[in-house]
Amino acid sequence: MYRELEITNSHGLHARPAAELVARIASFDAGVEIEVGAKKANAASIMSLLALGAGPGNTARITSDGPDAEAALDAVVAVLTEDS
């Protein structure tokens, strides 16, 4: 399952939002990957997320699989679209 969205969090996917994203998805039984441009990141890895260099206005494709895939996608969307 996947979703595409524009990152509207004013901080993009930098240190604080990336840490929040990793913490939020840790409780889900799902694998989550985020793709921005040609770069892909495992959403469970803060270093991988920071390497994306994703900022406001970038388009992100979030892919998730597993029993909690939909809830994990919702959590990622919340971080990328709301200011933390």
Protein backbone atom coordinates (compact mmCIF):
# COMPACT_ATOMS: atom_id res chain seq x y z
CA MET A 1 0.00 0.00 0.00
CA TYR A 2 1.28 3.50 -0.71
CA ARG A 3 0.42 7.18 -0.70
CA GLU A 4 1.94 10.19 -2.39
CA LEU A 5 1.83 13.62 -0.85
CA GLU A 6 3.46 17.02 -0.77
CA ILE A 7 5.49 17.65 2.36
CA THR A 8 3.86 20.65 4.03
CA ASN A 9 5.58 20.45 7.43
CA SER A 10 7.52 23.73 7.50
CA HIS A 11 10.62 21.91 8.77
CA GLY A 12 10.54 19.28 6.03
CA LEU A 13 11.94 15.96 7.11
CA HIS A 14 14.85 17.23 9.17
CA ALA A 15 16.02 16.30 12.67
CA ARG A 16 12.96 16.89 14.86
CA PRO A 17 10.28 15.64 12.42
CA ALA A 18 12.47 12.66 11.45
CA ALA A 19 12.90 11.68 15.11
CA GLU A 20 9.16 12.05 15.68
CA LEU A 21 8.41 9.91 12.63
CA VAL A 22 10.74 7.11 13.79
CA ALA A 23 9.17 7.18 17.27
CA ARG A 24 5.60 7.12 15.93
CA ILE A 25 6.05 4.16 13.61
CA ALA A 26 8.04 2.06 16.10
CA SER A 27 4.83 0.74 17.66
CA PHE A 28 3.42 -0.55 14.36
CA ASP A 29 3.96 -3.98 12.87
CA ALA A 30 4.75 -2.60 9.43
CA GLY A 31 7.67 -1.86 7.18
CA VAL A 32 7.70 1.71 5.88
CA GLU A 33 9.80 3.25 3.14
CA ILE A 34 9.80 6.88 1.99
CA GLU A 35 10.93 7.93 -1.46
CA VAL A 36 11.72 11.53 -2.41
CA GLY A 37 13.03 11.99 -5.92
CA ALA A 38 15.55 9.23 -6.63
CA LYS A 39 16.33 8.63 -2.94
CA LYS A 40 14.69 5.99 -0.74
CA ALA A 41 14.80 5.68 3.04
CA ASN A 42 13.75 3.14 5.62
CA ALA A 43 11.41 5.13 7.88
CA ALA A 44 12.69 3.27 10.94
CA SER A 45 16.16 4.80 10.47
CA ILE A 46 16.67 8.45 11.39
CA MET A 47 19.95 8.59 9.47
CA SER A 48 18.27 7.19 6.37
CA LEU A 49 15.47 9.77 6.67
CA LEU A 50 17.89 12.66 7.10
CA ALA A 51 19.82 11.52 4.03
CA LEU A 52 16.71 12.19 1.92
CA GLY A 53 17.18 15.94 2.43
CA ALA A 54 13.40 16.32 2.03
CA GLY A 55 11.99 19.78 2.52
CA PRO A 56 8.64 21.55 2.30
CA GLY A 57 7.18 21.30 -1.17
CA ASN A 58 8.90 18.01 -2.03
CA THR A 59 6.70 15.11 -3.11
CA ALA A 60 7.05 11.97 -1.02
CA ARG A 61 5.90 8.46 -1.86
CA ILE A 62 5.31 6.42 1.30
CA THR A 63 5.11 2.65 0.94
CA SER A 64 4.08 0.35 3.77
CA ASP A 65 3.44 -3.35 4.20
CA GLY A 66 2.49 -5.57 7.09
CA PRO A 67 -0.49 -5.97 9.44
CA ASP A 68 -0.41 -2.31 10.56
CA ALA A 69 0.42 -0.84 7.14
CA GLU A 70 -2.51 1.57 6.97
CA ALA A 71 -2.01 2.92 10.51
CA ALA A 72 1.72 3.35 9.85
CA LEU A 73 0.96 5.29 6.66
CA ASP A 74 -1.43 7.55 8.58
CA ALA A 75 1.29 8.25 11.16
CA VAL A 76 3.85 9.17 8.49
CA VAL A 77 1.36 11.41 6.68
CA ALA A 78 0.63 13.23 9.95
CA VAL A 79 4.31 14.01 10.53
CA LEU A 80 4.93 15.15 6.95
CA THR A 81 1.88 17.39 6.75
CA GLU A 82 1.66 18.94 10.24
CA ASP A 83 4.14 21.18 11.99
CA SER A 84 5.70 19.40 14.93
